[in-house]
């Protein structure tokens, strides 16, 4: 499902509105990685994901239904159950699990590789990259190999495995969803979060998670921040951008969020990054920027099918 791109007969938004929406997506989504780390101080990873996704999904679903948005059909619910495995459980859930061992900024750097995998999956489904996109893919994957070959990430097998699978799952879900019958974007996101919360709860049981003590106020505040700022406000700003600006600008969060997450991690979380980590991030993001700009030049101005927020 796609939504029509901005057209000439639609009133162009003001520069201030666009700047505010972009700042919201950049800052809110960029800060979610550190918020996850703070929430993990009291909440186990999959229980954290289950609570966050259920609350955000329920709030969005109730508001949308009150505004007259149709509920998903039975067929759409079945699709959402499958899609949420990729977009919620294996992306957000594994990022949560990874952050039990690696820093939030490092997790954001690894997840930045998602557009690279999306390019590969798109190619496998018949969309062949241009020469410029090939350059971006090669550069980006060299950065992924560099990040995986040394530094903090290589010292955590769990973190490495989770942060390789998470962007792959998110990329596959994004590409696969384009051919599926889904509700409108906001309802699709709400449905994915609700069904994803159930998958998260199952994973929590299988992982042996349980709350052994009352969560701290700061951890609960971080979890609620993820619900409101990350899942609701951030996604709302993103969908607004998709409808009012070119897709290349709306999706620029893919290479802006990681540096912001690193900045938050360093300034607020006290995280430290090596030249190896920062160099790998620069190479990955260079590949992502090249791919994004190449697609912006070659593609028709069609808004991509929006499904869910980023893996964090």
C-alpha atoms as a PDB file:
ATOM      1  CA  UNK A   1       0.000   0.000   0.000  1.00  0.00           C
ATOM      2  CA  UNK A   2       1.295   3.418  -0.892  1.00  0.00           C
ATOM      3  CA  UNK A   3       0.023   6.881  -0.247  1.00  0.00           C
ATOM      4  CA  UNK A   4       0.041   9.514  -2.908  1.00  0.00           C
ATOM      5  CA  UNK A   5       3.038  11.761  -2.837  1.00  0.00           C
ATOM      6  CA  UNK A   6       2.836  15.508  -2.471  1.00  0.00           C
ATOM      7  CA  UNK A   7       1.314  17.109  -5.537  1.00  0.00           C
ATOM      8  CA  UNK A   8       1.063  20.612  -6.842  1.00  0.00           C
ATOM      9  CA  UNK A   9      -2.594  20.981  -5.863  1.00  0.00           C
ATOM     10  CA  UNK A  10      -1.865  20.236  -2.229  1.00  0.00           C
ATOM     11  CA  UNK A  11      -0.883  23.252  -0.168  1.00  0.00           C
ATOM     12  CA  UNK A  12       2.843  23.181   0.463  1.00  0.00           C
ATOM     13  CA  UNK A  13       3.686  23.079   4.168  1.00  0.00           C
ATOM     14  CA  UNK A  14       5.617  25.908   5.713  1.00  0.00           C
ATOM     15  CA  UNK A  15       9.358  25.589   6.174  1.00  0.00           C
ATOM     16  CA  UNK A  16       8.935  25.859   9.955  1.00  0.00           C
ATOM     17  CA  UNK A  17       6.452  22.968  10.008  1.00  0.00           C
ATOM     18  CA  UNK A  18       8.771  20.777   7.947  1.00  0.00           C
ATOM     19  CA  UNK A  19      11.744  21.681  10.126  1.00  0.00           C
ATOM     20  CA  UNK A  20       9.787  20.871  13.290  1.00  0.00           C
ATOM     21  CA  UNK A  21       8.638  17.511  11.918  1.00  0.00           C
ATOM     22  CA  UNK A  22      12.158  16.602  10.794  1.00  0.00           C
ATOM     23  CA  UNK A  23      13.593  17.626  14.167  1.00  0.00           C
ATOM     24  CA  UNK A  24      10.957  15.466  15.869  1.00  0.00           C
ATOM     25  CA  UNK A  25      11.843  12.409  13.804  1.00  0.00           C
ATOM     26  CA  UNK A  26      15.579  12.977  14.123  1.00  0.00           C
ATOM     27  CA  UNK A  27      15.630  13.681  17.859  1.00  0.00           C
ATOM     28  CA  UNK A  28      12.813  11.442  19.082  1.00  0.00           C
ATOM     29  CA  UNK A  29      13.861   8.380  17.091  1.00  0.00           C
ATOM     30  CA  UNK A  30      17.535   9.123  17.658  1.00  0.00           C
ATOM     31  CA  UNK A  31      16.967   9.205  21.415  1.00  0.00           C
ATOM     32  CA  UNK A  32      15.042   5.927  21.615  1.00  0.00           C
ATOM     33  CA  UNK A  33      18.230   3.836  21.666  1.00  0.00           C
ATOM     34  CA  UNK A  34      19.389   5.486  24.886  1.00  0.00           C
ATOM     35  CA  UNK A  35      15.858   5.344  26.329  1.00  0.00           C
ATOM     36  CA  UNK A  36      15.883   1.588  25.730  1.00  0.00           C
ATOM     37  CA  UNK A  37      19.134   1.289  27.656  1.00  0.00           C
ATOM     38  CA  UNK A  38      17.685   3.218  30.600  1.00  0.00           C
ATOM     39  CA  UNK A  39      14.460   1.182  30.569  1.00  0.00           C
ATOM     40  CA  UNK A  40      16.458  -2.063  30.565  1.00  0.00           C
ATOM     41  CA  UNK A  41      17.747  -1.175  34.023  1.00  0.00           C
ATOM     42  CA  UNK A  42      14.453  -2.546  35.413  1.00  0.00           C
ATOM     43  CA  UNK A  43      12.618  -4.210  32.519  1.00  0.00           C
ATOM     44  CA  UNK A  44      13.769  -7.418  30.786  1.00  0.00           C
ATOM     45  CA  UNK A  45      14.195  -6.895  27.016  1.00  0.00           C
ATOM     46  CA  UNK A  46      11.165  -8.724  25.627  1.00  0.00           C
ATOM     47  CA  UNK A  47       8.846  -7.698  28.467  1.00  0.00           C
ATOM     48  CA  UNK A  48       9.940  -4.115  27.828  1.00  0.00           C
ATOM     49  CA  UNK A  49       9.036  -4.522  24.161  1.00  0.00           C
ATOM     50  CA  UNK A  50       5.716  -6.166  24.975  1.00  0.00           C
ATOM     51  CA  UNK A  51       4.661  -3.390  27.350  1.00  0.00           C
ATOM     52  CA  UNK A  52       5.839  -0.596  25.091  1.00  0.00           C
ATOM     53  CA  UNK A  53       4.214  -1.950  21.941  1.00  0.00           C
ATOM     54  CA  UNK A  54       0.937  -2.874  23.648  1.00  0.00           C
ATOM     55  CA  UNK A  55       0.478   0.556  25.236  1.00  0.00           C
ATOM     56  CA  UNK A  56       1.442   2.484  22.098  1.00  0.00           C
ATOM     57  CA  UNK A  57      -0.590   0.232  19.830  1.00  0.00           C
ATOM     58  CA  UNK A  58      -3.663   0.356  22.059  1.00  0.00           C
ATOM     59  CA  UNK A  59      -3.578   4.155  22.355  1.00  0.00           C
ATOM     60  CA  UNK A  60      -3.204   4.586  18.602  1.00  0.00           C
ATOM     61  CA  UNK A  61      -5.896   2.005  17.825  1.00  0.00           C
ATOM     62  CA  UNK A  62      -8.455   3.568  20.178  1.00  0.00           C
ATOM     63  CA  UNK A  63      -7.787   7.097  18.880  1.00  0.00           C
ATOM     64  CA  UNK A  64      -7.975   5.992  15.245  1.00  0.00           C
ATOM     65  CA  UNK A  65     -11.225   4.091  15.751  1.00  0.00           C
ATOM     66  CA  UNK A  66     -12.705   7.106  17.573  1.00  0.00           C
ATOM     67  CA  UNK A  67     -11.822   9.201  14.520  1.00  0.00           C
ATOM     68  CA  UNK A  68     -13.613   6.783  12.228  1.00  0.00           C
ATOM     69  CA  UNK A  69     -10.635   4.940  10.739  1.00  0.00           C
ATOM     70  CA  UNK A  70     -11.786   1.455   9.639  1.00  0.00           C
ATOM     71  CA  UNK A  71     -10.485  -1.471  11.646  1.00  0.00           C
ATOM     72  CA  UNK A  72      -8.279  -3.951   9.766  1.00  0.00           C
ATOM     73  CA  UNK A  73     -10.091  -6.715   7.927  1.00  0.00           C
ATOM     74  CA  UNK A  74      -9.567 -10.349   8.919  1.00  0.00           C
ATOM     75  CA  UNK A  75      -7.140 -10.763   6.016  1.00  0.00           C
ATOM     76  CA  UNK A  76      -5.245  -7.629   7.036  1.00  0.00           C
ATOM     77  CA  UNK A  77      -5.007  -8.842  10.635  1.00  0.00           C
ATOM     78  CA  UNK A  78      -3.421 -12.090   9.376  1.00  0.00           C
ATOM     79  CA  UNK A  79      -0.908 -10.056   7.396  1.00  0.00           C
ATOM     80  CA  UNK A  80      -0.181  -7.867  10.410  1.00  0.00           C
ATOM     81  CA  UNK A  81       0.482 -10.932  12.565  1.00  0.00           C
ATOM     82  CA  UNK A  82       3.118 -12.089  10.077  1.00  0.00           C
ATOM     83  CA  UNK A  83       4.563  -8.636   9.437  1.00  0.00           C
ATOM     84  CA  UNK A  84       4.982  -7.894  13.137  1.00  0.00           C
ATOM     85  CA  UNK A  85       7.329 -10.869  13.459  1.00  0.00           C
ATOM     86  CA  UNK A  86       9.769  -9.017  11.220  1.00  0.00           C
ATOM     87  CA  UNK A  87       9.010  -5.404  12.112  1.00  0.00           C
ATOM     88  CA  UNK A  88       8.524  -5.734  15.866  1.00  0.00           C
ATOM     89  CA  UNK A  89       9.780  -9.010  17.341  1.00  0.00           C
ATOM     90  CA  UNK A  90      12.939  -9.540  15.295  1.00  0.00           C
ATOM     91  CA  UNK A  91      13.794  -5.855  14.900  1.00  0.00           C
ATOM     92  CA  UNK A  92      12.828  -3.984  18.056  1.00  0.00           C
ATOM     93  CA  UNK A  93      12.959  -7.060  20.265  1.00  0.00           C
ATOM     94  CA  UNK A  94      16.492  -8.006  19.219  1.00  0.00           C
ATOM     95  CA  UNK A  95      17.701  -4.415  19.573  1.00  0.00           C
ATOM     96  CA  UNK A  96      16.402  -4.518  23.157  1.00  0.00           C
ATOM     97  CA  UNK A  97      18.212  -7.814  23.735  1.00  0.00           C
ATOM     98  CA  UNK A  98      21.427  -6.508  22.170  1.00  0.00           C
ATOM     99  CA  UNK A  99      21.424  -3.453  24.421  1.00  0.00           C
ATOM    100  CA  UNK A 100      21.693  -5.682  27.474  1.00  0.00           C
ATOM    101  CA  UNK A 101      25.330  -6.151  26.399  1.00  0.00           C
ATOM    102  CA  UNK A 102      26.304  -3.282  24.050  1.00  0.00           C
ATOM    103  CA  UNK A 103      25.875   0.474  24.200  1.00  0.00           C
ATOM    104  CA  UNK A 104      22.929   2.333  22.721  1.00  0.00           C
ATOM    105  CA  UNK A 105      25.034   4.309  20.245  1.00  0.00           C
ATOM    106  CA  UNK A 106      26.699   1.168  18.940  1.00  0.00           C
ATOM    107  CA  UNK A 107      23.276  -0.436  18.461  1.00  0.00           C
ATOM    108  CA  UNK A 108      22.166   2.589  16.438  1.00  0.00           C
ATOM    109  CA  UNK A 109      25.282   2.379  14.255  1.00  0.00           C
ATOM    110  CA  UNK A 110      24.604  -1.285  13.477  1.00  0.00           C
ATOM    111  CA  UNK A 111      20.906  -0.707  12.736  1.00  0.00           C
ATOM    112  CA  UNK A 112      21.913   2.034  10.271  1.00  0.00           C
ATOM    113  CA  UNK A 113      22.720  -0.786   7.831  1.00  0.00           C
ATOM    114  CA  UNK A 114      18.985  -1.460   7.287  1.00  0.00           C
ATOM    115  CA  UNK A 115      18.705   0.449   3.967  1.00  0.00           C
ATOM    116  CA  UNK A 116      21.594  -1.622   2.620  1.00  0.00           C
ATOM    117  CA  UNK A 117      19.754  -4.884   3.260  1.00  0.00           C
ATOM    118  CA  UNK A 118      16.557  -3.336   1.901  1.00  0.00           C
ATOM    119  CA  UNK A 119      18.426  -2.641  -1.329  1.00  0.00           C
ATOM    120  CA  UNK A 120      19.528  -6.265  -1.545  1.00  0.00           C
ATOM    121  CA  UNK A 121      16.017  -7.599  -0.912  1.00  0.00           C
ATOM    122  CA  UNK A 122      14.567  -5.204  -3.470  1.00  0.00           C
ATOM    123  CA  UNK A 123      17.092  -6.537  -5.979  1.00  0.00           C
ATOM    124  CA  UNK A 124      16.091 -10.130  -5.220  1.00  0.00           C
ATOM    125  CA  UNK A 125      12.475  -9.160  -5.881  1.00  0.00           C
ATOM    126  CA  UNK A 126      13.261  -7.792  -9.322  1.00  0.00           C
ATOM    127  CA  UNK A 127      14.372  -4.188  -8.758  1.00  0.00           C
ATOM    128  CA  UNK A 128      17.954  -3.985  -9.968  1.00  0.00           C
ATOM    129  CA  UNK A 129      20.139  -1.269  -8.440  1.00  0.00           C
ATOM    130  CA  UNK A 130      21.657   1.419 -10.608  1.00  0.00           C
ATOM    131  CA  UNK A 131      25.430   1.754 -10.878  1.00  0.00           C
ATOM    132  CA  UNK A 132      25.409   4.497  -8.263  1.00  0.00           C
ATOM    133  CA  UNK A 133      23.319   2.359  -5.913  1.00  0.00           C
ATOM    134  CA  UNK A 134      25.794  -0.490  -6.367  1.00  0.00           C
ATOM    135  CA  UNK A 135      28.544   1.872  -5.244  1.00  0.00           C
ATOM    136  CA  UNK A 136      26.502   2.765  -2.165  1.00  0.00           C
ATOM    137  CA  UNK A 137      25.795  -0.881  -1.371  1.00  0.00           C
ATOM    138  CA  UNK A 138      29.451  -1.865  -1.644  1.00  0.00           C
ATOM    139  CA  UNK A 139      30.628   1.062   0.480  1.00  0.00           C
ATOM    140  CA  UNK A 140      27.904   0.473   3.064  1.00  0.00           C
ATOM    141  CA  UNK A 141      28.607  -3.232   3.440  1.00  0.00           C
ATOM    142  CA  UNK A 142      32.328  -2.550   3.768  1.00  0.00           C
ATOM    143  CA  UNK A 143      31.350  -0.377   6.729  1.00  0.00           C
ATOM    144  CA  UNK A 144      29.231  -3.198   8.183  1.00  0.00           C
ATOM    145  CA  UNK A 145      32.176  -5.605   7.870  1.00  0.00           C
ATOM    146  CA  UNK A 146      34.458  -3.040   9.466  1.00  0.00           C
ATOM    147  CA  UNK A 147      32.064  -2.558  12.385  1.00  0.00           C
ATOM    148  CA  UNK A 148      31.725  -6.322  12.899  1.00  0.00           C
ATOM    149  CA  UNK A 149      35.442  -7.076  12.630  1.00  0.00           C
ATOM    150  CA  UNK A 150      36.611  -5.308  15.744  1.00  0.00           C
ATOM    151  CA  UNK A 151      35.764  -2.974  18.570  1.00  0.00           C
ATOM    152  CA  UNK A 152      33.113  -3.416  21.241  1.00  0.00           C
ATOM    153  CA  UNK A 153      30.600  -5.175  19.008  1.00  0.00           C
ATOM    154  CA  UNK A 154      32.949  -8.045  18.198  1.00  0.00           C
ATOM    155  CA  UNK A 155      33.395  -8.701  21.927  1.00  0.00           C
ATOM    156  CA  UNK A 156      29.696  -9.521  22.384  1.00  0.00           C
ATOM    157  CA  UNK A 157      28.474 -12.513  20.417  1.00  0.00           C
ATOM    158  CA  UNK A 158      24.882 -11.905  21.512  1.00  0.00           C
ATOM    159  CA  UNK A 159      25.035  -8.236  20.573  1.00  0.00           C
ATOM    160  CA  UNK A 160      26.639  -8.975  17.209  1.00  0.00           C
ATOM    161  CA  UNK A 161      24.094 -11.640  16.252  1.00  0.00           C
ATOM    162  CA  UNK A 162      21.117  -9.522  17.360  1.00  0.00           C
ATOM    163  CA  UNK A 163      22.353  -6.401  15.584  1.00  0.00           C
ATOM    164  CA  UNK A 164      22.898  -8.312  12.344  1.00  0.00           C
ATOM    165  CA  UNK A 165      19.473  -9.974  12.410  1.00  0.00           C
ATOM    166  CA  UNK A 166      17.512  -6.867  13.496  1.00  0.00           C
ATOM    167  CA  UNK A 167      18.207  -4.668  10.445  1.00  0.00           C
ATOM    168  CA  UNK A 168      17.837  -7.656   8.111  1.00  0.00           C
ATOM    169  CA  UNK A 169      14.407  -8.447   9.583  1.00  0.00           C
ATOM    170  CA  UNK A 170      13.340  -4.801   9.440  1.00  0.00           C
ATOM    171  CA  UNK A 171      14.509  -4.490   5.827  1.00  0.00           C
ATOM    172  CA  UNK A 172      12.766  -7.693   4.745  1.00  0.00           C
ATOM    173  CA  UNK A 173       9.532  -6.696   6.463  1.00  0.00           C
ATOM    174  CA  UNK A 174       9.633  -3.281   4.782  1.00  0.00           C
ATOM    175  CA  UNK A 175      10.108  -4.794   1.320  1.00  0.00           C
ATOM    176  CA  UNK A 176       7.659  -7.691   1.815  1.00  0.00           C
ATOM    177  CA  UNK A 177       4.918  -5.390   3.108  1.00  0.00           C
ATOM    178  CA  UNK A 178       4.797  -3.414  -0.150  1.00  0.00           C
ATOM    179  CA  UNK A 179       2.979  -6.260  -1.886  1.00  0.00           C
ATOM    180  CA  UNK A 180       0.517  -6.905   0.942  1.00  0.00           C
ATOM    181  CA  UNK A 181      -3.005  -5.722   1.689  1.00  0.00           C
ATOM    182  CA  UNK A 182      -2.554  -3.467   4.705  1.00  0.00           C
ATOM    183  CA  UNK A 183      -4.690  -0.845   6.467  1.00  0.00           C
ATOM    184  CA  UNK A 184      -3.821   2.843   6.148  1.00  0.00           C
ATOM    185  CA  UNK A 185      -0.382   3.660   7.647  1.00  0.00           C
ATOM    186  CA  UNK A 186      -1.429   4.725  11.153  1.00  0.00           C
ATOM    187  CA  UNK A 187      -3.768   1.753  11.596  1.00  0.00           C
ATOM    188  CA  UNK A 188      -1.113  -0.527  10.139  1.00  0.00           C
ATOM    189  CA  UNK A 189       1.371   0.712  12.729  1.00  0.00           C
ATOM    190  CA  UNK A 190      -1.153   0.277  15.552  1.00  0.00           C
ATOM    191  CA  UNK A 191      -1.982  -3.246  14.389  1.00  0.00           C
ATOM    192  CA  UNK A 192       1.673  -4.185  14.105  1.00  0.00           C
ATOM    193  CA  UNK A 193       2.373  -2.940  17.600  1.00  0.00           C
ATOM    194  CA  UNK A 194      -0.591  -4.822  19.074  1.00  0.00           C
ATOM    195  CA  UNK A 195       0.226  -8.108  17.347  1.00  0.00           C
ATOM    196  CA  UNK A 196       3.929  -7.547  17.928  1.00  0.00           C
ATOM    197  CA  UNK A 197       3.336  -7.145  21.659  1.00  0.00           C
ATOM    198  CA  UNK A 198       1.880 -10.658  21.707  1.00  0.00           C
ATOM    199  CA  UNK A 199       4.952 -12.054  19.932  1.00  0.00           C
ATOM    200  CA  UNK A 200       7.148 -10.158  22.413  1.00  0.00           C
ATOM    201  CA  UNK A 201       5.266 -11.673  25.329  1.00  0.00           C
ATOM    202  CA  UNK A 202       5.746 -15.176  23.919  1.00  0.00           C
ATOM    203  CA  UNK A 203       9.453 -14.458  23.471  1.00  0.00           C
ATOM    204  CA  UNK A 204       9.639 -13.190  27.060  1.00  0.00           C
ATOM    205  CA  UNK A 205       8.146 -16.440  28.340  1.00  0.00           C
ATOM    206  CA  UNK A 206      10.506 -18.542  26.226  1.00  0.00           C
ATOM    207  CA  UNK A 207      13.431 -16.380  27.358  1.00  0.00           C
ATOM    208  CA  UNK A 208      12.466 -16.959  30.991  1.00  0.00           C
ATOM    209  CA  UNK A 209      11.848 -13.303  31.767  1.00  0.00           C
ATOM    210  CA  UNK A 210       9.932 -12.116  34.807  1.00  0.00           C
ATOM    211  CA  UNK A 211       9.743  -9.008  36.932  1.00  0.00           C
ATOM    212  CA  UNK A 212      11.475  -9.795  40.229  1.00  0.00           C
ATOM    213  CA  UNK A 213      11.125  -6.359  41.796  1.00  0.00           C
ATOM    214  CA  UNK A 214       9.318  -3.076  41.401  1.00  0.00           C
ATOM    215  CA  UNK A 215      10.778  -1.189  38.420  1.00  0.00           C
ATOM    216  CA  UNK A 216      12.509   2.081  39.175  1.00  0.00           C
ATOM    217  CA  UNK A 217      10.819   5.368  38.439  1.00  0.00           C
ATOM    218  CA  UNK A 218      13.529   6.314  35.930  1.00  0.00           C
ATOM    219  CA  UNK A 219      13.216   3.028  34.031  1.00  0.00           C
ATOM    220  CA  UNK A 220       9.425   3.346  33.916  1.00  0.00           C
ATOM    221  CA  UNK A 221       9.781   6.934  32.727  1.00  0.00           C
ATOM    222  CA  UNK A 222      12.097   5.732  29.952  1.00  0.00           C
ATOM    223  CA  UNK A 223       9.575   3.078  28.929  1.00  0.00           C
ATOM    224  CA  UNK A 224       6.751   5.624  28.801  1.00  0.00           C
ATOM    225  CA  UNK A 225       9.003   7.936  26.804  1.00  0.00           C
ATOM    226  CA  UNK A 226       9.417   5.132  24.272  1.00  0.00           C
ATOM    227  CA  UNK A 227       5.627   4.734  24.110  1.00  0.00           C
ATOM    228  CA  UNK A 228       4.759   8.411  23.708  1.00  0.00           C
ATOM    229  CA  UNK A 229       7.785  10.020  22.079  1.00  0.00           C
ATOM    230  CA  UNK A 230       9.163   7.140  20.049  1.00  0.00           C
ATOM    231  CA  UNK A 231       6.117   5.148  19.001  1.00  0.00           C
ATOM    232  CA  UNK A 232       3.364   7.790  18.820  1.00  0.00           C
ATOM    233  CA  UNK A 233       4.800  11.295  18.313  1.00  0.00           C
ATOM    234  CA  UNK A 234       7.786  10.202  16.260  1.00  0.00           C
ATOM    235  CA  UNK A 235       5.720   8.020  13.960  1.00  0.00           C
ATOM    236  CA  UNK A 236       3.063  10.719  13.561  1.00  0.00           C
ATOM    237  CA  UNK A 237       5.723  13.215  12.483  1.00  0.00           C
ATOM    238  CA  UNK A 238       7.165  10.676  10.050  1.00  0.00           C
ATOM    239  CA  UNK A 239       3.815   9.961   8.389  1.00  0.00           C
ATOM    240  CA  UNK A 240       3.152  13.700   8.114  1.00  0.00           C
ATOM    241  CA  UNK A 241       6.501  14.108   6.353  1.00  0.00           C
ATOM    242  CA  UNK A 242       5.734  11.263   3.967  1.00  0.00           C
ATOM    243  CA  UNK A 243       2.603  13.124   2.883  1.00  0.00           C
ATOM    244  CA  UNK A 244       4.148  16.593   2.585  1.00  0.00           C
ATOM    245  CA  UNK A 245       7.780  16.315   1.458  1.00  0.00           C
ATOM    246  CA  UNK A 246       9.769  14.208  -0.954  1.00  0.00           C
ATOM    247  CA  UNK A 247      10.462  10.649   0.251  1.00  0.00           C
ATOM    248  CA  UNK A 248      14.233  11.227   0.197  1.00  0.00           C
ATOM    249  CA  UNK A 249      13.840  13.955   2.823  1.00  0.00           C
ATOM    250  CA  UNK A 250      11.304  12.041   4.919  1.00  0.00           C
ATOM    251  CA  UNK A 251      13.513   8.946   5.037  1.00  0.00           C
ATOM    252  CA  UNK A 252      16.678  10.920   5.790  1.00  0.00           C
ATOM    253  CA  UNK A 253      16.289   9.758   9.405  1.00  0.00           C
ATOM    254  CA  UNK A 254      18.093   6.581   8.276  1.00  0.00           C
ATOM    255  CA  UNK A 255      21.430   8.395   8.240  1.00  0.00           C
ATOM    256  CA  UNK A 256      20.688  11.183  10.731  1.00  0.00           C
ATOM    257  CA  UNK A 257      19.465   9.069  13.663  1.00  0.00           C
ATOM    258  CA  UNK A 258      22.715   7.105  14.232  1.00  0.00           C
ATOM    259  CA  UNK A 259      24.947  10.159  14.829  1.00  0.00           C
ATOM    260  CA  UNK A 260      22.259  11.639  17.079  1.00  0.00           C
ATOM    261  CA  UNK A 261      22.036   8.360  19.007  1.00  0.00           C
ATOM    262  CA  UNK A 262      25.813   8.343  19.392  1.00  0.00           C
ATOM    263  CA  UNK A 263      25.699  11.955  20.633  1.00  0.00           C
ATOM    264  CA  UNK A 264      22.983  11.159  23.182  1.00  0.00           C
ATOM    265  CA  UNK A 265      24.868   8.066  24.290  1.00  0.00           C
ATOM    266  CA  UNK A 266      28.073  10.024  24.835  1.00  0.00           C
ATOM    267  CA  UNK A 267      26.631  13.170  26.435  1.00  0.00           C
ATOM    268  CA  UNK A 268      23.838  11.669  28.537  1.00  0.00           C
ATOM    269  CA  UNK A 269      24.642   7.958  28.813  1.00  0.00           C
ATOM    270  CA  UNK A 270      28.381   8.317  29.384  1.00  0.00           C
ATOM    271  CA  UNK A 271      29.145   5.930  26.521  1.00  0.00           C
ATOM    272  CA  UNK A 272      32.556   5.875  24.866  1.00  0.00           C
ATOM    273  CA  UNK A 273      33.232   5.216  21.205  1.00  0.00           C
ATOM    274  CA  UNK A 274      36.465   4.204  19.535  1.00  0.00           C
ATOM    275  CA  UNK A 275      37.806   5.569  16.273  1.00  0.00           C
ATOM    276  CA  UNK A 276      36.991   2.121  14.865  1.00  0.00           C
ATOM    277  CA  UNK A 277      33.289   2.466  15.732  1.00  0.00           C
ATOM    278  CA  UNK A 278      33.001   6.045  14.469  1.00  0.00           C
ATOM    279  CA  UNK A 279      34.907   5.249  11.279  1.00  0.00           C
ATOM    280  CA  UNK A 280      32.653   2.281  10.551  1.00  0.00           C
ATOM    281  CA  UNK A 281      29.593   4.456  11.170  1.00  0.00           C
ATOM    282  CA  UNK A 282      30.861   7.062   8.721  1.00  0.00           C
ATOM    283  CA  UNK A 283      31.391   4.444   6.010  1.00  0.00           C
ATOM    284  CA  UNK A 284      27.966   2.829   6.567  1.00  0.00           C
ATOM    285  CA  UNK A 285      26.205   6.175   6.476  1.00  0.00           C
ATOM    286  CA  UNK A 286      28.106   7.218   3.354  1.00  0.00           C
ATOM    287  CA  UNK A 287      26.728   4.122   1.624  1.00  0.00           C
ATOM    288  CA  UNK A 288      23.204   4.858   2.873  1.00  0.00           C
ATOM    289  CA  UNK A 289      23.376   8.486   1.692  1.00  0.00           C
ATOM    290  CA  UNK A 290      24.576   7.423  -1.778  1.00  0.00           C
ATOM    291  CA  UNK A 291      21.728   4.895  -2.096  1.00  0.00           C
ATOM    292  CA  UNK A 292      19.127   7.393  -0.856  1.00  0.00           C
ATOM    293  CA  UNK A 293      20.230  10.121  -3.242  1.00  0.00           C
ATOM    294  CA  UNK A 294      20.418   7.690  -6.153  1.00  0.00           C
ATOM    295  CA  UNK A 295      16.872   6.505  -5.492  1.00  0.00           C
ATOM    296  CA  UNK A 296      15.666  10.091  -5.173  1.00  0.00           C
ATOM    297  CA  UNK A 297      17.043  10.887  -8.633  1.00  0.00           C
ATOM    298  CA  UNK A 298      15.772   7.740 -10.344  1.00  0.00           C
ATOM    299  CA  UNK A 299      12.437   7.001  -8.676  1.00  0.00           C
ATOM    300  CA  UNK A 300       9.079   8.596  -9.298  1.00  0.00           C
ATOM    301  CA  UNK A 301       7.893  10.775  -6.385  1.00  0.00           C
ATOM    302  CA  UNK A 302       5.846   8.072  -4.688  1.00  0.00           C
ATOM    303  CA  UNK A 303       5.683   7.777  -0.933  1.00  0.00           C
ATOM    304  CA  UNK A 304       6.908   4.359   0.218  1.00  0.00           C
ATOM    305  CA  UNK A 305       4.521   2.130   2.101  1.00  0.00           C
ATOM    306  CA  UNK A 306       4.830   3.111   5.740  1.00  0.00           C
ATOM    307  CA  UNK A 307       4.657   0.227   8.153  1.00  0.00           C
ATOM    308  CA  UNK A 308       6.338   0.821  11.439  1.00  0.00           C
ATOM    309  CA  UNK A 309       8.830   2.960  13.262  1.00  0.00           C
ATOM    310  CA  UNK A 310      12.542   2.094  13.149  1.00  0.00           C
ATOM    311  CA  UNK A 311      13.833  -0.918  14.988  1.00  0.00           C
ATOM    312  CA  UNK A 312      14.539   1.099  18.130  1.00  0.00           C
END
